[in-house]
Amino acid sequence: MIKVRTFTTPIKIFATQRELQELDDHVTKLLNEESAAKVYSVSDTTTAGENGETIGLIRTVAYEVDDD
């Protein structure tokens, strides 16, 4: 079965590296918990504030798990 999950994280000035690492860790944890057989796609897109500044990140992951 193919599943798609979306994760979000805020992006704050001077904390981006830590926030991206936490997001990577969160996605990795989910894929391990779900026993993902394959990962088909990982896509990142940003969200913007009123003045066009980046304020967040949306990561979408498409992966396959074995049918039970």
C-alpha atoms as a PDB file:
ATOM      1  CA  MET A   1       0.000   0.000   0.000  1.00  0.00           C
ATOM      2  CA  ILE A   2       1.301   3.442  -0.884  1.00  0.00           C
ATOM      3  CA  LYS A   3       0.871   6.160   1.747  1.00  0.00           C
ATOM      4  CA  VAL A   4       1.457   9.907   1.684  1.00  0.00           C
ATOM      5  CA  ARG A   5       2.253  11.945   4.798  1.00  0.00           C
ATOM      6  CA  THR A   6       2.740  15.662   5.194  1.00  0.00           C
ATOM      7  CA  PHE A   7       4.869  17.293   7.880  1.00  0.00           C
ATOM      8  CA  THR A   8       5.175  20.977   8.735  1.00  0.00           C
ATOM      9  CA  THR A   9       7.676  23.027  10.679  1.00  0.00           C
ATOM     10  CA  PRO A  10       8.055  26.728  11.371  1.00  0.00           C
ATOM     11  CA  ILE A  11      11.262  28.379  10.179  1.00  0.00           C
ATOM     12  CA  LYS A  12      12.822  30.965  12.479  1.00  0.00           C
ATOM     13  CA  ILE A  13      15.817  33.088  11.681  1.00  0.00           C
ATOM     14  CA  PHE A  14      19.082  31.616  13.047  1.00  0.00           C
ATOM     15  CA  ALA A  15      17.383  28.319  13.959  1.00  0.00           C
ATOM     16  CA  THR A  16      16.853  26.857  10.485  1.00  0.00           C
ATOM     17  CA  GLN A  17      19.565  24.204  10.634  1.00  0.00           C
ATOM     18  CA  ARG A  18      18.213  22.799  13.907  1.00  0.00           C
ATOM     19  CA  GLU A  19      14.611  22.892  12.651  1.00  0.00           C
ATOM     20  CA  LEU A  20      15.508  21.062   9.443  1.00  0.00           C
ATOM     21  CA  GLN A  21      17.386  18.393  11.408  1.00  0.00           C
ATOM     22  CA  GLU A  22      14.365  17.925  13.702  1.00  0.00           C
ATOM     23  CA  LEU A  23      12.118  17.588  10.638  1.00  0.00           C
ATOM     24  CA  ASP A  24      14.483  15.008   9.093  1.00  0.00           C
ATOM     25  CA  ASP A  25      14.491  13.073  12.376  1.00  0.00           C
ATOM     26  CA  HIS A  26      10.681  13.163  12.574  1.00  0.00           C
ATOM     27  CA  VAL A  27      10.304  11.825   9.016  1.00  0.00           C
ATOM     28  CA  THR A  28      12.922   9.112   9.597  1.00  0.00           C
ATOM     29  CA  LYS A  29      11.175   8.032  12.802  1.00  0.00           C
ATOM     30  CA  LEU A  30       7.828   7.732  11.001  1.00  0.00           C
ATOM     31  CA  LEU A  31       9.322   5.721   8.140  1.00  0.00           C
ATOM     32  CA  ASN A  32      10.960   3.351  10.643  1.00  0.00           C
ATOM     33  CA  GLU A  33       7.753   2.979  12.676  1.00  0.00           C
ATOM     34  CA  GLU A  34       5.737   2.291   9.517  1.00  0.00           C
ATOM     35  CA  SER A  35       8.398  -0.175   8.260  1.00  0.00           C
ATOM     36  CA  ALA A  36       8.464   1.610   4.917  1.00  0.00           C
ATOM     37  CA  ALA A  37       9.600  -0.735   2.159  1.00  0.00           C
ATOM     38  CA  LYS A  38      10.277   2.055  -0.356  1.00  0.00           C
ATOM     39  CA  VAL A  39      10.249   5.822  -0.425  1.00  0.00           C
ATOM     40  CA  TYR A  40       8.970   7.137  -3.747  1.00  0.00           C
ATOM     41  CA  SER A  41       9.094  10.876  -3.220  1.00  0.00           C
ATOM     42  CA  VAL A  42      10.160  13.558  -0.755  1.00  0.00           C
ATOM     43  CA  SER A  43       9.090  17.083  -1.605  1.00  0.00           C
ATOM     44  CA  ASP A  44       9.641  20.336   0.287  1.00  0.00           C
ATOM     45  CA  THR A  45       7.859  23.622  -0.238  1.00  0.00           C
ATOM     46  CA  THR A  46       7.960  26.806   1.773  1.00  0.00           C
ATOM     47  CA  THR A  47       5.202  28.943   3.211  1.00  0.00           C
ATOM     48  CA  ALA A  48       5.502  32.705   3.155  1.00  0.00           C
ATOM     49  CA  GLY A  49       4.511  35.535   5.459  1.00  0.00           C
ATOM     50  CA  GLU A  50       2.771  38.757   4.529  1.00  0.00           C
ATOM     51  CA  ASN A  51       6.005  40.340   3.266  1.00  0.00           C
ATOM     52  CA  GLY A  52       7.156  37.308   1.276  1.00  0.00           C
ATOM     53  CA  GLU A  53       9.526  36.012   3.938  1.00  0.00           C
ATOM     54  CA  THR A  54       9.823  32.252   4.480  1.00  0.00           C
ATOM     55  CA  ILE A  55       8.029  31.312   7.683  1.00  0.00           C
ATOM     56  CA  GLY A  56       7.547  27.575   7.359  1.00  0.00           C
ATOM     57  CA  LEU A  57       8.255  24.383   5.494  1.00  0.00           C
ATOM     58  CA  ILE A  58       5.907  21.656   4.295  1.00  0.00           C
ATOM     59  CA  ARG A  59       7.445  18.255   3.548  1.00  0.00           C
ATOM     60  CA  THR A  60       5.431  15.584   1.769  1.00  0.00           C
ATOM     61  CA  VAL A  61       6.632  11.976   1.726  1.00  0.00           C
ATOM     62  CA  ALA A  62       5.183   9.209  -0.465  1.00  0.00           C
ATOM     63  CA  TYR A  63       6.200   5.732   0.681  1.00  0.00           C
ATOM     64  CA  GLU A  64       5.194   2.094   0.448  1.00  0.00           C
ATOM     65  CA  VAL A  65       4.415  -0.296   3.267  1.00  0.00           C
ATOM     66  CA  ASP A  66       3.674  -3.992   3.027  1.00  0.00           C
ATOM     67  CA  ASP A  67      -0.022  -4.889   3.123  1.00  0.00           C
ATOM     68  CA  ASP A  68      -0.932  -6.692   6.321  1.00  0.00           C
END
